[in-house]
Amino acid sequence: MTPEELKNSHKLHKFASELRGKFLNGATWIDMVLSEIITSYFCTNQNRRTLFFSDVGVDISLYRKTELLLKILKHEFPAILASYPRLQQQLNAFRKFRNLLAHSHIDMSKSALGAKSTDEVTFIFYEDGKTKRQTVTRTDAQLRAKQANELRDTLLQVQRRIAAPV
């Protein structure tokens, strides 16, 4: 690796770390809200709720939490689900981007290390037996963070509506 490539490698890792850190830190809120909604649905008793949340709710995968929430809304609260027609698409897009950041590695190929851009990073991931790449720019990450904030706000509204006495 040339000194220039080494320097670019450090820049890519620093930028990827910044993107991951900011997004995944915010993603934790969404994950916890999902856990809280599911926990409160299944456990109306506060003592049981705390045990369920600590020993079951937080260990469920993000995919399973999103699917379970949609199933709860579909079967028990169809009017709430109808109020948020984009919810499933929002959850899927959020989960896909979160997984990209959490489970992909950085492209360190000669072409990536030779690029002069300090405002983008390419992540390598595997899907359907194939190696895939996705470039994420600072602008992309900011848009995804904005969308995640909107999703969090929607989930908080859903949580309040489920908890509200009828």
N, C-alpha and C. Protein backbone atom coordinates (compact mmCIF):
# COMPACT_ATOMS: atom_id res chain seq x y z
N MET A 1 0.86 -1.17 0.00
CA MET A 1 0.00 0.00 0.00
C MET A 1 0.91 1.24 0.00
N THR A 2 0.62 2.14 -0.89
CA THR A 2 1.42 3.37 -0.98
C THR A 2 1.06 4.31 0.18
N PRO A 3 1.93 5.28 0.47
CA PRO A 3 1.60 6.24 1.52
C PRO A 3 0.29 6.99 1.22
N GLU A 4 0.04 7.31 -0.03
CA GLU A 4 -1.21 8.00 -0.40
C GLU A 4 -2.42 7.10 -0.15
N GLU A 5 -2.29 5.82 -0.51
CA GLU A 5 -3.38 4.88 -0.27
C GLU A 5 -3.63 4.69 1.22
N LEU A 6 -2.57 4.64 1.99
CA LEU A 6 -2.70 4.51 3.44
C LEU A 6 -3.42 5.72 4.02
N LYS A 7 -3.05 6.89 3.56
CA LYS A 7 -3.71 8.13 4.00
C LYS A 7 -5.20 8.10 3.64
N ASN A 8 -5.52 7.68 2.41
CA ASN A 8 -6.92 7.59 1.98
C ASN A 8 -7.67 6.51 2.76
N SER A 9 -6.99 5.43 3.11
CA SER A 9 -7.60 4.38 3.92
C SER A 9 -8.05 4.94 5.26
N HIS A 10 -7.19 5.73 5.89
CA HIS A 10 -7.54 6.35 7.17
C HIS A 10 -8.72 7.29 7.02
N LYS A 11 -8.75 8.04 5.93
CA LYS A 11 -9.86 8.96 5.68
C LYS A 11 -11.17 8.21 5.49
N LEU A 12 -11.12 7.11 4.72
CA LEU A 12 -12.33 6.31 4.51
C LEU A 12 -12.85 5.74 5.82
N HIS A 13 -11.96 5.20 6.61
CA HIS A 13 -12.36 4.62 7.90
C HIS A 13 -12.93 5.69 8.84
N LYS A 14 -12.32 6.85 8.84
CA LYS A 14 -12.81 7.93 9.69
C LYS A 14 -14.20 8.37 9.26
N PHE A 15 -14.40 8.53 7.96
CA PHE A 15 -15.70 8.95 7.45
C PHE A 15 -16.76 7.88 7.72
N ALA A 16 -16.42 6.61 7.47
CA ALA A 16 -17.36 5.51 7.72
C ALA A 16 -17.71 5.43 9.20
N SER A 17 -16.73 5.65 10.06
CA SER A 17 -16.98 5.63 11.49
C SER A 17 -17.93 6.75 11.90
N GLU A 18 -17.75 7.91 11.30
CA GLU A 18 -18.65 9.04 11.58
C GLU A 18 -20.08 8.72 11.15
N LEU A 19 -20.23 8.19 9.92
CA LEU A 19 -21.57 7.83 9.42
C LEU A 19 -22.21 6.78 10.30
N ARG A 20 -21.46 5.73 10.57
CA ARG A 20 -22.00 4.64 11.37
C ARG A 20 -22.38 5.11 12.77
N GLY A 21 -21.49 5.84 13.39
CA GLY A 21 -21.72 6.28 14.76
C GLY A 21 -22.98 7.11 14.90
N LYS A 22 -23.11 8.10 14.04
CA LYS A 22 -24.28 8.98 14.13
C LYS A 22 -25.57 8.22 13.84
N PHE A 23 -25.57 7.43 12.77
CA PHE A 23 -26.81 6.75 12.39
C PHE A 23 -27.16 5.65 13.39
N LEU A 24 -26.20 4.82 13.74
CA LEU A 24 -26.49 3.70 14.62
C LEU A 24 -26.86 4.17 16.03
N ASN A 25 -26.30 5.28 16.45
CA ASN A 25 -26.70 5.84 17.74
C ASN A 25 -28.18 6.23 17.72
N GLY A 26 -28.61 6.86 16.65
CA GLY A 26 -30.02 7.22 16.50
C GLY A 26 -30.90 5.99 16.30
N ALA A 27 -30.36 4.98 15.64
CA ALA A 27 -31.13 3.76 15.39
C ALA A 27 -31.49 3.05 16.67
N THR A 28 -30.69 3.21 17.68
CA THR A 28 -30.95 2.58 18.97
C THR A 28 -32.29 3.05 19.53
N TRP A 29 -32.61 4.33 19.32
CA TRP A 29 -33.90 4.85 19.80
C TRP A 29 -35.06 4.12 19.14
N ILE A 30 -34.95 3.92 17.85
CA ILE A 30 -36.03 3.24 17.12
C ILE A 30 -36.17 1.81 17.62
N ASP A 31 -35.06 1.14 17.79
CA ASP A 31 -35.06 -0.23 18.28
C ASP A 31 -35.73 -0.30 19.65
N MET A 32 -35.41 0.63 20.52
CA MET A 32 -35.99 0.63 21.87
C MET A 32 -37.49 0.95 21.85
N VAL A 33 -37.90 1.87 21.00
CA VAL A 33 -39.34 2.19 20.91
C VAL A 33 -40.09 0.95 20.42
N LEU A 34 -39.54 0.26 19.44
CA LEU A 34 -40.18 -0.98 18.96
C LEU A 34 -40.30 -1.98 20.12
N SER A 35 -39.23 -2.14 20.88
CA SER A 35 -39.27 -3.07 22.03
C SER A 35 -40.33 -2.65 23.05
N GLU A 36 -40.41 -1.35 23.30
CA GLU A 36 -41.40 -0.87 24.28
C GLU A 36 -42.83 -1.09 23.81
N ILE A 37 -43.10 -0.86 22.52
CA ILE A 37 -44.44 -1.07 22.00
C ILE A 37 -44.83 -2.54 22.12
N ILE A 38 -43.93 -3.42 21.72
CA ILE A 38 -44.20 -4.86 21.76
C ILE A 38 -44.37 -5.33 23.21
N THR A 39 -43.49 -4.87 24.08
CA THR A 39 -43.56 -5.25 25.49
C THR A 39 -44.86 -4.81 26.12
N SER A 40 -45.24 -3.56 25.88
CA SER A 40 -46.48 -3.08 26.50
C SER A 40 -47.71 -3.78 25.93
N TYR A 41 -47.64 -4.21 24.68
CA TYR A 41 -48.76 -4.95 24.09
C TYR A 41 -48.94 -6.31 24.77
N PHE A 42 -47.84 -7.01 24.97
CA PHE A 42 -47.93 -8.36 25.53
C PHE A 42 -48.00 -8.39 27.05
N CYS A 43 -47.56 -7.34 27.71
CA CYS A 43 -47.51 -7.35 29.18
C CYS A 43 -48.16 -6.09 29.74
N THR A 44 -49.37 -6.24 30.20
CA THR A 44 -50.04 -5.08 30.79
C THR A 44 -49.64 -4.89 32.25
N ASN A 45 -49.17 -5.93 32.89
CA ASN A 45 -48.70 -5.85 34.27
C ASN A 45 -47.29 -5.26 34.28
N GLN A 46 -47.10 -4.17 35.03
CA GLN A 46 -45.82 -3.45 35.02
C GLN A 46 -44.64 -4.33 35.45
N ASN A 47 -44.81 -5.17 36.47
CA ASN A 47 -43.72 -6.05 36.90
C ASN A 47 -43.34 -7.04 35.81
N ARG A 48 -44.32 -7.60 35.17
CA ARG A 48 -44.05 -8.54 34.07
C ARG A 48 -43.45 -7.81 32.88
N ARG A 49 -43.90 -6.59 32.64
CA ARG A 49 -43.40 -5.81 31.51
C ARG A 49 -41.89 -5.59 31.63
N THR A 50 -41.44 -5.24 32.82
CA THR A 50 -40.01 -4.99 33.03
C THR A 50 -39.20 -6.26 32.78
N LEU A 51 -39.68 -7.39 33.29
CA LEU A 51 -38.99 -8.66 33.07
C LEU A 51 -39.00 -9.04 31.60
N PHE A 52 -40.13 -8.91 30.95
CA PHE A 52 -40.24 -9.22 29.53
C PHE A 52 -39.29 -8.34 28.71
N PHE A 53 -39.31 -7.04 29.01
CA PHE A 53 -38.47 -6.10 28.27
C PHE A 53 -37.00 -6.44 28.43
N SER A 54 -36.58 -6.70 29.68
CA SER A 54 -35.16 -6.95 29.92
C SER A 54 -34.68 -8.31 29.43
N ASP A 55 -35.54 -9.31 29.45
CA ASP A 55 -35.08 -10.65 29.12
C ASP A 55 -35.56 -11.18 27.77
N VAL A 56 -36.53 -10.52 27.17
CA VAL A 56 -37.05 -10.99 25.89
C VAL A 56 -37.01 -9.87 24.84
N GLY A 57 -37.63 -8.76 25.18
CA GLY A 57 -37.81 -7.67 24.21
C GLY A 57 -36.55 -7.15 23.56
N VAL A 58 -35.50 -6.98 24.35
CA VAL A 58 -34.28 -6.41 23.79
C VAL A 58 -33.47 -7.42 22.98
N ASP A 59 -33.77 -8.70 23.12
CA ASP A 59 -33.02 -9.72 22.38
C ASP A 59 -33.65 -10.11 21.05
N ILE A 60 -34.82 -9.61 20.76
CA ILE A 60 -35.47 -9.91 19.49
C ILE A 60 -34.79 -9.10 18.40
N SER A 61 -34.56 -9.71 17.26
CA SER A 61 -33.88 -9.00 16.16
C SER A 61 -34.73 -7.83 15.67
N LEU A 62 -34.08 -6.88 15.07
CA LEU A 62 -34.77 -5.72 14.53
C LEU A 62 -35.79 -6.16 13.47
N TYR A 63 -35.41 -7.10 12.64
CA TYR A 63 -36.34 -7.62 11.62
C TYR A 63 -37.60 -8.18 12.29
N ARG A 64 -37.40 -8.99 13.30
CA ARG A 64 -38.55 -9.62 13.97
C ARG A 64 -39.42 -8.59 14.68
N LYS A 65 -38.79 -7.58 15.27
CA LYS A 65 -39.56 -6.52 15.93
C LYS A 65 -40.44 -5.78 14.93
N THR A 66 -39.88 -5.46 13.78
CA THR A 66 -40.67 -4.72 12.79
C THR A 66 -41.82 -5.58 12.27
N GLU A 67 -41.55 -6.83 12.02
CA GLU A 67 -42.60 -7.73 11.54
C GLU A 67 -43.68 -7.93 12.60
N LEU A 68 -43.27 -8.07 13.84
CA LEU A 68 -44.22 -8.26 14.94
C LEU A 68 -45.08 -7.01 15.14
N LEU A 69 -44.46 -5.85 15.07
CA LEU A 69 -45.24 -4.61 15.20
C LEU A 69 -46.29 -4.53 14.10
N LEU A 70 -45.91 -4.80 12.88
CA LEU A 70 -46.86 -4.73 11.76
C LEU A 70 -47.99 -5.74 11.95
N LYS A 71 -47.66 -6.91 12.44
CA LYS A 71 -48.69 -7.93 12.69
C LYS A 71 -49.64 -7.49 13.79
N ILE A 72 -49.11 -6.93 14.87
CA ILE A 72 -49.95 -6.42 15.97
C ILE A 72 -50.89 -5.35 15.44
N LEU A 73 -50.36 -4.42 14.67
CA LEU A 73 -51.19 -3.34 14.13
C LEU A 73 -52.24 -3.88 13.17
N LYS A 74 -51.85 -4.81 12.33
CA LYS A 74 -52.79 -5.38 11.36
C LYS A 74 -53.95 -6.09 12.04
N HIS A 75 -53.64 -6.88 13.07
CA HIS A 75 -54.67 -7.68 13.73
C HIS A 75 -55.45 -6.94 14.81
N GLU A 76 -54.78 -6.07 15.55
CA GLU A 76 -55.42 -5.45 16.71
C GLU A 76 -55.76 -3.97 16.52
N PHE A 77 -55.01 -3.30 15.67
CA PHE A 77 -55.18 -1.85 15.51
C PHE A 77 -55.16 -1.44 14.04
N PRO A 78 -56.06 -2.00 13.23
CA PRO A 78 -56.01 -1.70 11.79
C PRO A 78 -56.22 -0.21 11.48
N ALA A 79 -56.98 0.48 12.31
CA ALA A 79 -57.19 1.92 12.06
C ALA A 79 -55.88 2.69 12.26
N ILE A 80 -55.10 2.29 13.24
CA ILE A 80 -53.80 2.95 13.46
C ILE A 80 -52.89 2.67 12.27
N LEU A 81 -52.84 1.41 11.84
CA LEU A 81 -52.01 1.05 10.69
C LEU A 81 -52.44 1.83 9.45
N ALA A 82 -53.72 1.97 9.25
CA ALA A 82 -54.23 2.71 8.09
C ALA A 82 -53.84 4.18 8.15
N SER A 83 -53.64 4.70 9.36
CA SER A 83 -53.23 6.09 9.52
C SER A 83 -51.79 6.34 9.09
N TYR A 84 -51.02 5.28 8.97
CA TYR A 84 -49.60 5.39 8.61
C TYR A 84 -49.32 4.45 7.44
N PRO A 85 -49.80 4.77 6.25
CA PRO A 85 -49.69 3.86 5.11
C PRO A 85 -48.25 3.59 4.66
N ARG A 86 -47.33 4.46 5.03
CA ARG A 86 -45.93 4.27 4.63
C ARG A 86 -45.10 3.55 5.69
N LEU A 87 -45.71 3.16 6.78
CA LEU A 87 -44.96 2.61 7.91
C LEU A 87 -44.13 1.39 7.52
N GLN A 88 -44.72 0.45 6.83
CA GLN A 88 -43.97 -0.76 6.46
C GLN A 88 -42.78 -0.41 5.58
N GLN A 89 -42.98 0.46 4.60
CA GLN A 89 -41.89 0.88 3.72
C GLN A 89 -40.82 1.61 4.51
N GLN A 90 -41.21 2.46 5.45
CA GLN A 90 -40.26 3.19 6.28
C GLN A 90 -39.43 2.23 7.14
N LEU A 91 -40.10 1.26 7.74
CA LEU A 91 -39.39 0.28 8.57
C LEU A 91 -38.41 -0.53 7.74
N ASN A 92 -38.82 -0.96 6.56
CA ASN A 92 -37.94 -1.76 5.71
C ASN A 92 -36.73 -0.97 5.24
N ALA A 93 -36.94 0.28 4.82
CA ALA A 93 -35.84 1.12 4.36
C ALA A 93 -34.87 1.41 5.50
N PHE A 94 -35.43 1.71 6.67
CA PHE A 94 -34.59 1.96 7.84
C PHE A 94 -33.75 0.74 8.17
N ARG A 95 -34.38 -0.41 8.24
CA ARG A 95 -33.68 -1.65 8.60
C ARG A 95 -32.59 -1.99 7.59
N LYS A 96 -32.88 -1.79 6.31
CA LYS A 96 -31.89 -2.11 5.27
C LYS A 96 -30.66 -1.22 5.40
N PHE A 97 -30.87 0.08 5.61
CA PHE A 97 -29.74 0.99 5.73
C PHE A 97 -28.97 0.73 7.03
N ARG A 98 -29.70 0.49 8.09
CA ARG A 98 -29.05 0.18 9.38
C ARG A 98 -28.19 -1.07 9.26
N ASN A 99 -28.71 -2.09 8.58
CA ASN A 99 -27.94 -3.32 8.40
C ASN A 99 -26.72 -3.09 7.51
N LEU A 100 -26.87 -2.23 6.50
CA LEU A 100 -25.73 -1.90 5.65
C LEU A 100 -24.60 -1.32 6.50
N LEU A 101 -24.93 -0.35 7.34
CA LEU A 101 -23.91 0.28 8.16
C LEU A 101 -23.35 -0.68 9.21
N ALA A 102 -24.22 -1.48 9.80
CA ALA A 102 -23.81 -2.34 10.91
C ALA A 102 -23.06 -3.59 10.47
N HIS A 103 -23.35 -4.09 9.27
CA HIS A 103 -22.84 -5.41 8.90
C HIS A 103 -21.98 -5.44 7.64
N SER A 104 -21.63 -4.30 7.11
CA SER A 104 -20.82 -4.26 5.89
C SER A 104 -19.41 -3.80 6.22
N HIS A 105 -18.51 -4.11 5.29
CA HIS A 105 -17.16 -3.59 5.46
C HIS A 105 -16.85 -2.58 4.35
N ILE A 106 -15.81 -1.83 4.56
CA ILE A 106 -15.47 -0.73 3.67
C ILE A 106 -14.69 -1.27 2.47
N ASP A 107 -15.01 -0.74 1.30
CA ASP A 107 -14.27 -1.07 0.09
C ASP A 107 -12.87 -0.48 0.19
N MET A 108 -11.88 -1.34 0.22
CA MET A 108 -10.49 -0.90 0.32
C MET A 108 -9.72 -1.27 -0.95
N SER A 109 -10.44 -1.41 -2.05
CA SER A 109 -9.79 -1.75 -3.32
C SER A 109 -8.89 -0.60 -3.78
N LYS A 110 -8.02 -0.90 -4.73
CA LYS A 110 -7.12 0.13 -5.29
C LYS A 110 -7.92 1.32 -5.80
N SER A 111 -9.04 1.05 -6.48
CA SER A 111 -9.83 2.17 -7.03
C SER A 111 -10.45 3.01 -5.91
N ALA A 112 -10.89 2.36 -4.84
CA ALA A 112 -11.47 3.11 -3.72
C ALA A 112 -10.39 3.93 -3.01
N LEU A 113 -9.22 3.35 -2.85
CA LEU A 113 -8.14 4.06 -2.17
C LEU A 113 -7.55 5.17 -3.05
N GLY A 114 -7.73 5.03 -4.37
CA GLY A 114 -7.23 6.05 -5.29
C GLY A 114 -8.19 7.21 -5.48
N ALA A 115 -9.43 7.05 -5.04
CA ALA A 115 -10.42 8.12 -5.20
C ALA A 115 -10.05 9.30 -4.30
N LYS A 116 -10.35 10.46 -4.78
CA LYS A 116 -9.99 11.68 -4.04
C LYS A 116 -11.13 12.19 -3.15
N SER A 117 -12.31 11.62 -3.28
CA SER A 117 -13.45 12.11 -2.52
C SER A 117 -13.31 11.77 -1.04
N THR A 118 -13.55 12.75 -0.20
CA THR A 118 -13.53 12.52 1.24
C THR A 118 -14.94 12.57 1.81
N ASP A 119 -15.91 12.62 0.91
CA ASP A 119 -17.31 12.78 1.33
C ASP A 119 -18.18 11.58 0.97
N GLU A 120 -17.53 10.44 0.73
CA GLU A 120 -18.29 9.23 0.42
C GLU A 120 -17.46 8.01 0.77
N VAL A 121 -18.18 6.93 1.01
CA VAL A 121 -17.53 5.65 1.29
C VAL A 121 -18.38 4.57 0.65
N THR A 122 -17.73 3.53 0.16
CA THR A 122 -18.45 2.41 -0.43
C THR A 122 -18.39 1.24 0.53
N PHE A 123 -19.56 0.70 0.83
CA PHE A 123 -19.67 -0.46 1.71
C PHE A 123 -19.86 -1.70 0.86
N ILE A 124 -19.24 -2.79 1.29
CA ILE A 124 -19.37 -4.08 0.61
C ILE A 124 -20.22 -4.98 1.50
N PHE A 125 -21.22 -5.60 0.87
CA PHE A 125 -22.08 -6.53 1.61
C PHE A 125 -22.41 -7.69 0.69
N TYR A 126 -23.05 -8.68 1.23
CA TYR A 126 -23.35 -9.91 0.49
C TYR A 126 -24.84 -10.16 0.52
N GLU A 127 -25.38 -10.47 -0.66
CA GLU A 127 -26.82 -10.68 -0.78
C GLU A 127 -27.06 -11.68 -1.90
N ASP A 128 -27.86 -12.68 -1.62
CA ASP A 128 -28.20 -13.71 -2.61
C ASP A 128 -26.96 -14.33 -3.23
N GLY A 129 -25.94 -14.58 -2.41
CA GLY A 129 -24.73 -15.23 -2.89
C GLY A 129 -23.83 -14.35 -3.74
N LYS A 130 -24.08 -13.05 -3.72
CA LYS A 130 -23.28 -12.13 -4.54
C LYS A 130 -22.68 -11.03 -3.67
N THR A 131 -21.52 -10.58 -4.10
CA THR A 131 -20.90 -9.42 -3.45
C THR A 131 -21.48 -8.17 -4.08
N LYS A 132 -21.94 -7.27 -3.22
CA LYS A 132 -22.54 -6.03 -3.71
C LYS A 132 -21.87 -4.85 -3.04
N ARG A 133 -21.99 -3.70 -3.68
CA ARG A 133 -21.40 -2.47 -3.17
C ARG A 133 -22.46 -1.38 -3.14
N GLN A 134 -22.39 -0.55 -2.13
CA GLN A 134 -23.26 0.62 -2.08
C GLN A 134 -22.45 1.79 -1.56
N THR A 135 -22.42 2.85 -2.37
CA THR A 135 -21.73 4.06 -1.99
C THR A 135 -22.68 4.95 -1.20
N VAL A 136 -22.18 5.48 -0.10
CA VAL A 136 -22.97 6.36 0.75
C VAL A 136 -22.21 7.68 0.87
N THR A 137 -22.88 8.75 0.50
CA THR A 137 -22.29 10.09 0.64
C THR A 137 -22.79 10.72 1.92
N ARG A 138 -22.18 11.82 2.28
CA ARG A 138 -22.63 12.56 3.46
C ARG A 138 -24.09 13.00 3.29
N THR A 139 -24.44 13.44 2.07
CA THR A 139 -25.81 13.86 1.78
C THR A 139 -26.78 12.69 1.94
N ASP A 140 -26.40 11.50 1.43
CA ASP A 140 -27.23 10.30 1.60
C ASP A 140 -27.47 10.01 3.08
N ALA A 141 -26.39 10.06 3.86
CA ALA A 141 -26.48 9.76 5.28
C ALA A 141 -27.38 10.76 6.01
N GLN A 142 -27.27 12.03 5.63
CA GLN A 142 -28.12 13.05 6.25
C GLN A 142 -29.59 12.81 5.91
N LEU A 143 -29.87 12.44 4.67
CA LEU A 143 -31.25 12.12 4.28
C LEU A 143 -31.76 10.91 5.07
N ARG A 144 -30.94 9.88 5.18
CA ARG A 144 -31.35 8.67 5.93
C ARG A 144 -31.58 9.00 7.40
N ALA A 145 -30.77 9.88 7.98
CA ALA A 145 -30.96 10.28 9.37
C ALA A 145 -32.27 11.03 9.53
N LYS A 146 -32.58 11.89 8.57
CA LYS A 146 -33.86 12.63 8.60
C LYS A 146 -35.03 11.66 8.52
N GLN A 147 -34.93 10.67 7.63
CA GLN A 147 -35.99 9.67 7.50
C GLN A 147 -36.12 8.84 8.77
N ALA A 148 -35.01 8.52 9.40
CA ALA A 148 -35.04 7.76 10.66
C ALA A 148 -35.71 8.58 11.76
N ASN A 149 -35.45 9.87 11.79
CA ASN A 149 -36.12 10.73 12.77
C ASN A 149 -37.62 10.77 12.54
N GLU A 150 -38.03 10.82 11.28
CA GLU A 150 -39.46 10.79 10.95
C GLU A 150 -40.07 9.47 11.38
N LEU A 151 -39.37 8.37 11.15
CA LEU A 151 -39.85 7.05 11.57
C LEU A 151 -39.97 6.98 13.09
N ARG A 152 -38.98 7.49 13.79
CA ARG A 152 -39.04 7.49 15.26
C ARG A 152 -40.26 8.26 15.74
N ASP A 153 -40.52 9.42 15.14
CA ASP A 153 -41.68 10.22 15.52
C ASP A 153 -42.98 9.47 15.24
N THR A 154 -43.04 8.79 14.11
CA THR A 154 -44.22 7.98 13.77
C THR A 154 -44.42 6.87 14.80
N LEU A 155 -43.33 6.18 15.14
CA LEU A 155 -43.45 5.09 16.12
C LEU A 155 -43.88 5.60 17.49
N LEU A 156 -43.41 6.77 17.87
CA LEU A 156 -43.85 7.35 19.14
C LEU A 156 -45.34 7.68 19.10
N GLN A 157 -45.83 8.15 17.95
CA GLN A 157 -47.26 8.41 17.80
C GLN A 157 -48.05 7.11 17.89
N VAL A 158 -47.56 6.08 17.22
CA VAL A 158 -48.22 4.77 17.27
C VAL A 158 -48.25 4.27 18.71
N GLN A 159 -47.13 4.40 19.41
CA GLN A 159 -47.06 3.96 20.80
C GLN A 159 -48.10 4.67 21.66
N ARG A 160 -48.21 5.98 21.50
CA ARG A 160 -49.19 6.75 22.28
C ARG A 160 -50.62 6.31 21.94
N ARG A 161 -50.87 6.07 20.68
CA ARG A 161 -52.23 5.68 20.27
C ARG A 161 -52.60 4.29 20.77
N ILE A 162 -51.65 3.39 20.78
CA ILE A 162 -51.93 2.05 21.30
C ILE A 162 -52.18 2.12 22.80
N ALA A 163 -51.42 2.94 23.51
CA ALA A 163 -51.55 3.05 24.96
C ALA A 163 -52.76 3.86 25.41
N ALA A 164 -53.30 4.68 24.51
CA ALA A 164 -54.42 5.56 24.88
C ALA A 164 -55.67 4.73 25.16
N PRO A 165 -56.36 5.05 26.24
CA PRO A 165 -57.60 4.33 26.54
C PRO A 165 -58.65 4.64 25.45
N VAL A 166 -59.41 3.63 25.12
CA VAL A 166 -60.41 3.79 24.06
C VAL A 166 -61.73 4.26 24.65
